[in-house]
Amino acid sequence: KFMNLRDFSRPLKDSDRVKVKKVLRNLRVHLAQFNYERSSKITGISNCPISQLSFTLEDNTQKTVIQYFAEKYNYRVKYPALPA
């Protein structure tokens, strides 16, 4: 119930996104899943929800983050309305 946020099925309001960004900025996280390990520092969060983010793969195909995790790891993103 961080910042009284209860409904993660909707995108964050801009004011809430800014608050989350301030709290998470410079936080060091250790990623250890999907047979991949890495340590990284959070520098910011996206302006749009994960469901709207896409990128180009090495073979020049376009994938959304949701598609990528579903196809590559057989993983369904739990909160696609939240920013990355």
Foldseek 3Di string as FASTA:
>chain_A
DVVPDDDLQAADDPVVQVVVFVVQAQDWDWDDDPNDTDIDGDHGWDPFFQQPAWDADPVRDIDRPQRCCCVVPVDGDPRRRYID
